[in-house]
Amino acid sequence: MANEVEEAGSIGVSAASGKAGEIDMSSCCASCGIAEAEVDDIKLTKCDDSCKLVRYCSGSCQQDHRPKHEAMCKKRVAELRDRDDLLFEQPESSHHGDCPICFLPLAIDSSKCVMMTCCSKLICNGCSYANKVRERRESMKPTCPFCRRTVPTTKAEALSNVMKRVEANDPVATRELGFLCYCEGDYAKAFEYLTKAARLGNAAAHYHLSVMYLKGKGVEKDEKKEVYYLEEAAIAGHPSARYNLGSIEWNDGSTERAVKHFIIAANRGHDKSVEMLKQGYKSGSVSKEDFATALRAHQAAVDATKSPQRDEAENARRRDIE
């Protein structure tokens, strides 16, 4: 299953920092040291206690290594359990939050809202369209629906606004600038700004960093760091990050964990997660009750983002296309 990549994604610091020169214990047996690539018929297996720290080439190697590994294993399992309590908690909203004007939840589809460069507020298309209609009717200059500053007329003016917000440590503007650098192929700058935005708590920045580690754009491909940033984004309510985590768990055979991720994302209105739950229901991995509950929650989340004003904006958009 391919991860979902939106192009516009811990257990301690060590999960995302890694040190040069360290041996990757996931590629060799923790007891005898044999590497998986050295012998064709060797398949390393994870520790039975699911600490995710070490792997073994055989049951006897795991048994021999147990006295040395037991204390570290128990500590790690406890950390993972605490992490899972946070990871699998249902977020109150998506990472977009609510429109600051109509106070209705913003759709998880980024095309249904607009970021104002003057104040970095995400405004739903309904409020943005209503503001434009009012300005045309009253022959007013275009202004921001939220802060009422004049809307920039050139890309240079818009970028200048973003830079001012970045200098003020605005996480949304910093993420926006990082993504702009990414789209232009300046991956070093993209990584710099996205990392800063992530530290400021921006969920989308965490998600975009996961994409960089997935694709190896500006950084070396690193699955551990990809998962770390996906988890940070998912905890902050990013449904696509949650879906990607579910996909990874599904491909690893961790069906129960995958289903949990898909249910949480579906509850926030994520369509692809519903499709995965549908497949799981057909294969027997998802119960009828859980599937039905997820469907109802998904529809409720989608309905919560609707309004006559937003429908009017969508109809106007379609007329413009036609």
Protein backbone atom coordinates (compact mmCIF):
# COMPACT_ATOMS: atom_id res chain seq x y z
CA MET A 1 0.00 0.00 0.00
CA ALA A 2 1.45 3.36 -0.98
CA ASN A 3 1.53 6.14 1.55
CA GLU A 4 -0.59 9.20 0.91
CA VAL A 5 1.56 12.21 0.07
CA GLU A 6 0.02 15.67 0.20
CA GLU A 7 2.20 18.08 -1.75
CA ALA A 8 0.89 21.96 -1.08
CA GLY A 9 4.73 14.88 6.93
CA SER A 10 8.24 10.44 19.94
CA ILE A 11 9.74 8.37 21.96
CA GLY A 12 12.48 10.63 23.23
CA VAL A 13 14.77 12.77 21.11
CA SER A 14 16.82 9.81 19.93
CA ALA A 15 14.05 8.60 17.66
CA ALA A 16 14.58 11.59 15.40
CA SER A 17 18.21 12.46 15.87
CA GLY A 18 20.39 9.41 15.13
CA LYS A 19 24.20 9.55 15.44
CA ALA A 20 26.66 9.02 12.64
CA GLY A 21 28.78 5.89 12.99
CA GLU A 22 26.32 3.90 15.09
CA ILE A 23 25.60 0.30 14.07
CA ASP A 24 22.04 -0.25 12.97
CA MET A 25 20.97 -3.06 15.32
CA SER A 26 17.85 -3.62 13.23
CA SER A 27 19.97 -5.06 10.40
CA CYS A 28 21.84 -7.73 12.40
CA CYS A 29 21.18 -10.29 15.13
CA ALA A 30 21.66 -8.69 18.56
CA SER A 31 23.12 -11.93 19.92
CA CYS A 32 25.47 -13.44 17.30
CA GLY A 33 25.86 -10.34 15.12
CA ILE A 34 25.00 -11.98 11.81
CA ALA A 35 23.59 -9.51 9.28
CA GLU A 36 20.42 -10.28 7.40
CA ALA A 37 22.06 -9.49 4.05
CA GLU A 38 24.99 -11.85 4.66
CA VAL A 39 23.01 -15.09 4.37
CA ASP A 40 20.12 -15.53 1.95
CA ASP A 41 18.01 -17.80 4.15
CA ILE A 42 18.35 -15.66 7.31
CA LYS A 43 15.27 -13.66 8.24
CA LEU A 44 15.65 -11.56 11.36
CA THR A 45 12.65 -11.37 13.68
CA LYS A 46 11.72 -8.72 16.23
CA CYS A 47 12.01 -9.16 19.98
CA ASP A 48 9.01 -11.16 21.28
CA ASP A 49 8.21 -8.40 23.77
CA SER A 50 7.83 -5.84 20.95
CA CYS A 51 10.44 -3.42 22.29
CA LYS A 52 11.43 -2.62 18.67
CA LEU A 53 15.05 -2.21 19.76
CA VAL A 54 16.65 -5.44 18.56
CA ARG A 55 16.14 -8.38 16.20
CA TYR A 56 17.31 -12.00 16.24
CA CYS A 57 18.16 -14.68 13.70
CA SER A 58 16.73 -17.52 15.82
CA GLY A 59 14.87 -18.34 19.02
CA SER A 60 18.05 -19.66 20.62
CA CYS A 61 19.85 -16.36 19.98
CA GLN A 62 17.01 -14.45 21.60
CA GLN A 63 17.09 -16.77 24.62
CA ASP A 64 20.89 -16.41 24.98
CA HIS A 65 20.68 -12.61 24.73
CA ARG A 66 17.74 -12.25 27.11
CA PRO A 67 19.74 -11.67 30.36
CA LYS A 68 21.59 -8.74 28.77
CA HIS A 69 18.52 -7.25 27.09
CA GLU A 70 15.75 -7.80 29.65
CA ALA A 71 16.08 -4.56 31.67
CA MET A 72 16.36 -2.35 28.57
CA CYS A 73 13.50 -4.25 26.94
CA LYS A 74 11.11 -3.71 29.85
CA LYS A 75 11.95 0.00 30.00
CA ARG A 76 11.40 0.40 26.27
CA VAL A 77 8.08 -1.46 26.31
CA ALA A 78 6.85 0.84 29.11
CA GLU A 79 7.87 3.90 27.07
CA LEU A 80 6.08 2.55 24.02
CA ARG A 81 2.95 1.86 26.06
CA ASP A 82 2.90 5.46 27.31
CA ARG A 83 3.54 6.68 23.77
CA ASP A 84 0.68 4.57 22.43
CA ASP A 85 -1.74 6.07 24.97
CA LEU A 86 -0.95 9.47 23.44
CA LEU A 87 -0.72 8.25 19.86
CA PHE A 88 -4.09 6.48 19.81
CA GLU A 89 -6.04 9.22 21.55
CA GLN A 90 -8.78 10.65 19.34
CA PRO A 91 -7.94 14.34 18.55
CA GLU A 92 -10.73 16.83 19.20
CA SER A 93 -10.32 18.31 15.72
CA SER A 94 -8.14 18.09 12.65
CA HIS A 95 -4.89 20.03 12.44
CA HIS A 96 -6.73 22.77 10.53
CA GLY A 97 -9.04 23.57 13.44
CA ASP A 98 -11.98 25.94 12.95
CA CYS A 99 -12.48 28.90 10.66
CA PRO A 100 -11.83 32.01 12.83
CA ILE A 101 -14.80 33.82 11.27
CA CYS A 102 -17.72 31.35 11.11
CA PHE A 103 -16.23 29.05 13.81
CA LEU A 104 -17.18 25.92 11.86
CA PRO A 105 -14.59 23.13 11.51
CA LEU A 106 -12.37 23.54 8.47
CA ALA A 107 -12.43 20.69 5.94
CA ILE A 108 -9.32 18.51 5.90
CA ASP A 109 -9.08 19.21 2.15
CA SER A 110 -6.67 22.17 2.03
CA SER A 111 -8.25 23.42 -1.21
CA LYS A 112 -11.37 24.34 0.76
CA CYS A 113 -9.65 27.05 2.76
CA VAL A 114 -7.18 29.85 2.08
CA MET A 115 -4.22 31.05 4.14
CA MET A 116 -4.06 34.84 4.46
CA THR A 117 -0.43 35.95 4.22
CA CYS A 118 -1.05 39.05 6.34
CA CYS A 119 -2.11 37.22 9.51
CA SER A 120 -1.55 33.51 8.66
CA LYS A 121 -5.18 32.69 9.42
CA LEU A 122 -6.86 29.82 7.58
CA ILE A 123 -10.20 31.09 6.29
CA CYS A 124 -12.85 28.75 4.89
CA ASN A 125 -13.83 29.31 1.26
CA GLY A 126 -17.33 30.25 2.37
CA CYS A 127 -16.21 33.22 4.45
CA SER A 128 -13.62 34.22 1.87
CA TYR A 129 -16.24 34.18 -0.90
CA ALA A 130 -18.79 36.10 1.20
CA ASN A 131 -16.19 38.77 1.87
CA LYS A 132 -15.43 39.12 -1.85
CA VAL A 133 -19.13 39.41 -2.71
CA ARG A 134 -19.55 42.18 -0.12
CA GLU A 135 -16.50 44.05 -1.42
CA ARG A 136 -17.73 43.89 -5.02
CA ARG A 137 -21.20 45.01 -4.03
CA GLU A 138 -19.88 47.98 -2.05
CA SER A 139 -17.00 48.76 -4.47
CA MET A 140 -14.40 48.20 -1.77
CA LYS A 141 -10.73 47.32 -2.09
CA PRO A 142 -9.94 43.65 -1.39
CA THR A 143 -9.05 43.12 2.25
CA CYS A 144 -8.40 40.15 4.52
CA PRO A 145 -11.70 38.78 5.91
CA PHE A 146 -10.08 38.46 9.34
CA CYS A 147 -7.63 41.32 10.00
CA ARG A 148 -8.91 43.69 7.27
CA ARG A 149 -5.47 44.47 5.91
CA THR A 150 -5.19 45.08 2.18
CA VAL A 151 -4.75 41.89 0.19
CA PRO A 152 -1.40 41.75 -1.68
CA THR A 153 -1.69 42.08 -5.45
CA THR A 154 1.64 40.47 -6.39
CA LYS A 155 3.57 37.37 -5.38
CA ALA A 156 6.38 39.60 -4.11
CA GLU A 157 4.01 41.39 -1.72
CA ALA A 158 2.56 38.08 -0.53
CA LEU A 159 6.06 36.68 0.09
CA SER A 160 7.01 39.84 1.98
CA ASN A 161 4.01 39.31 4.25
CA VAL A 162 5.00 35.70 4.86
CA MET A 163 8.59 36.69 5.69
CA LYS A 164 7.36 39.20 8.28
CA ARG A 165 5.30 36.46 9.94
CA VAL A 166 8.26 34.06 9.81
CA GLU A 167 10.45 36.63 11.57
CA ALA A 168 7.76 36.78 14.26
CA ASN A 169 8.03 32.98 14.69
CA ASP A 170 4.59 32.30 13.23
CA PRO A 171 4.41 28.48 12.77
CA VAL A 172 1.89 28.60 9.90
CA ALA A 173 3.89 31.14 7.88
CA THR A 174 7.13 29.27 8.58
CA ARG A 175 5.59 26.03 7.36
CA GLU A 176 4.22 27.82 4.29
CA LEU A 177 7.67 29.21 3.45
CA GLY A 178 9.26 25.79 3.96
CA PHE A 179 6.76 24.18 1.64
CA LEU A 180 7.32 26.91 -0.96
CA CYS A 181 11.07 26.18 -0.85
CA TYR A 182 10.30 22.47 -1.20
CA CYS A 183 8.19 23.05 -4.31
CA GLU A 184 10.98 25.16 -5.81
CA GLY A 185 13.53 22.41 -5.19
CA ASP A 186 15.46 24.23 -2.47
CA TYR A 187 15.36 21.26 -0.10
CA ALA A 188 18.00 22.60 2.31
CA LYS A 189 15.95 25.73 3.00
CA ALA A 190 12.76 23.69 3.04
CA PHE A 191 14.20 21.42 5.72
CA GLU A 192 15.37 24.43 7.75
CA TYR A 193 11.99 26.19 7.75
CA LEU A 194 9.91 23.02 8.17
CA THR A 195 12.05 21.93 11.11
CA LYS A 196 11.56 25.33 12.72
CA ALA A 197 7.80 25.19 12.12
CA ALA A 198 7.66 21.68 13.57
CA ARG A 199 9.44 22.87 16.71
CA LEU A 200 6.84 25.63 16.93
CA GLY A 201 4.16 22.92 16.96
CA ASN A 202 2.85 22.96 13.38
CA ALA A 203 1.35 19.58 12.47
CA ALA A 204 1.63 20.08 8.71
CA ALA A 205 5.36 20.80 9.09
CA HIS A 206 5.81 17.46 10.85
CA TYR A 207 3.92 15.82 8.00
CA HIS A 208 6.01 17.47 5.27
CA LEU A 209 9.22 16.44 7.06
CA SER A 210 7.98 12.85 7.02
CA VAL A 211 7.52 13.17 3.25
CA MET A 212 11.09 14.43 2.88
CA TYR A 213 12.43 11.42 4.77
CA LEU A 214 10.16 9.10 2.78
CA LYS A 215 11.36 10.44 -0.58
CA GLY A 216 14.93 11.32 0.39
CA LYS A 217 14.52 14.92 -0.75
CA GLY A 218 17.26 17.00 0.87
CA VAL A 219 17.85 14.29 3.46
CA GLU A 220 18.76 10.61 3.40
CA LYS A 221 15.79 8.28 3.33
CA ASP A 222 15.08 7.24 6.90
CA GLU A 223 12.04 5.17 7.85
CA LYS A 224 12.47 5.76 11.59
CA LYS A 225 12.48 9.53 11.17
CA GLU A 226 9.60 9.30 8.71
CA VAL A 227 7.53 7.44 11.30
CA TYR A 228 8.59 9.82 14.07
CA TYR A 229 7.33 12.87 12.18
CA LEU A 230 4.18 11.04 11.08
CA GLU A 231 3.41 10.26 14.71
CA GLU A 232 3.97 13.86 15.78
CA ALA A 233 1.64 15.05 13.00
CA ALA A 234 -0.98 12.41 13.80
CA ILE A 235 -1.01 13.29 17.50
CA ALA A 236 -1.65 16.91 16.47
CA GLY A 237 -4.67 15.82 14.40
CA HIS A 238 -3.28 15.39 10.86
CA PRO A 239 -5.54 12.74 9.20
CA SER A 240 -3.23 12.02 6.25
CA ALA A 241 -0.33 11.38 8.62
CA ARG A 242 -2.61 9.05 10.56
CA TYR A 243 -3.53 7.25 7.34
CA ASN A 244 0.14 6.80 6.43
CA LEU A 245 0.86 5.33 9.87
CA GLY A 246 -2.02 2.93 9.36
CA SER A 247 -0.63 1.96 5.96
CA ILE A 248 2.80 1.26 7.44
CA GLU A 249 1.33 -0.87 10.24
CA TRP A 250 -0.90 -2.69 7.75
CA ASN A 251 2.06 -3.54 5.51
CA ASP A 252 4.03 -4.72 8.56
CA GLY A 253 1.22 -7.10 9.49
CA SER A 254 0.17 -5.10 12.58
CA THR A 255 -3.48 -5.14 11.57
CA GLU A 256 -4.93 -4.17 14.94
CA ARG A 257 -2.78 -1.04 15.18
CA ALA A 258 -3.49 -0.18 11.55
CA VAL A 259 -7.24 -0.39 12.11
CA LYS A 260 -6.96 1.93 15.13
CA HIS A 261 -5.21 4.53 12.98
CA PHE A 262 -7.78 4.22 10.17
CA ILE A 263 -10.68 4.58 12.60
CA ILE A 264 -9.21 7.74 14.16
CA ALA A 265 -8.60 9.28 10.72
CA ALA A 266 -12.07 8.25 9.49
CA ASN A 267 -13.60 9.91 12.55
CA ARG A 268 -12.09 13.18 11.31
CA GLY A 269 -13.61 12.76 7.84
CA HIS A 270 -10.72 11.08 5.99
CA ASP A 271 -12.14 9.26 2.94
CA LYS A 272 -9.21 6.93 2.19
CA SER A 273 -9.25 5.63 5.74
CA VAL A 274 -12.90 4.69 5.30
CA GLU A 275 -11.93 2.73 2.19
CA MET A 276 -9.27 0.86 4.16
CA LEU A 277 -11.79 0.05 6.89
CA LYS A 278 -14.13 -1.21 4.17
CA GLN A 279 -11.40 -3.56 2.94
CA GLY A 280 -10.73 -4.63 6.51
CA TYR A 281 -14.41 -5.35 7.06
CA LYS A 282 -14.55 -7.51 3.94
CA SER A 283 -11.46 -9.46 5.05
CA GLY A 284 -12.69 -9.86 8.63
CA SER A 285 -10.11 -7.55 10.19
CA VAL A 286 -12.74 -4.96 11.16
CA SER A 287 -15.93 -5.85 13.00
CA LYS A 288 -19.33 -4.85 11.66
CA GLU A 289 -19.95 -2.68 14.72
CA ASP A 290 -16.62 -0.84 14.44
CA PHE A 291 -17.12 -0.27 10.71
CA ALA A 292 -20.64 1.07 11.19
CA THR A 293 -19.52 3.36 14.03
CA ALA A 294 -16.65 4.70 11.92
CA LEU A 295 -18.99 5.37 8.98
CA ARG A 296 -21.34 7.39 11.20
CA ALA A 297 -18.49 9.36 12.73
CA HIS A 298 -17.01 10.04 9.29
CA GLN A 299 -20.30 11.39 7.97
CA ALA A 300 -20.80 13.52 11.07
CA ALA A 301 -17.31 15.02 10.64
CA VAL A 302 -17.97 15.81 6.97
CA ASP A 303 -21.39 17.31 7.74
CA ALA A 304 -19.88 19.54 10.44
CA THR A 305 -17.77 21.28 7.79
CA LYS A 306 -20.76 22.15 5.60
CA SER A 307 -22.75 25.38 5.52
CA PRO A 308 -24.94 27.22 2.97
CA GLN A 309 -22.18 29.83 2.64
CA ARG A 310 -19.56 27.20 1.84
CA ASP A 311 -21.93 25.50 -0.62
CA GLU A 312 -22.43 28.85 -2.36
CA ALA A 313 -18.66 29.30 -2.64
CA GLU A 314 -18.26 25.82 -4.11
CA ASN A 315 -21.03 26.48 -6.66
CA ALA A 316 -19.32 29.74 -7.68
CA ARG A 317 -16.02 27.89 -8.11
CA ARG A 318 -17.65 25.32 -10.39
CA ARG A 319 -19.29 28.06 -12.47
CA ASP A 320 -15.89 29.70 -12.94
CA ILE A 321 -14.42 26.39 -14.12
CA GLU A 322 -17.25 25.84 -16.58
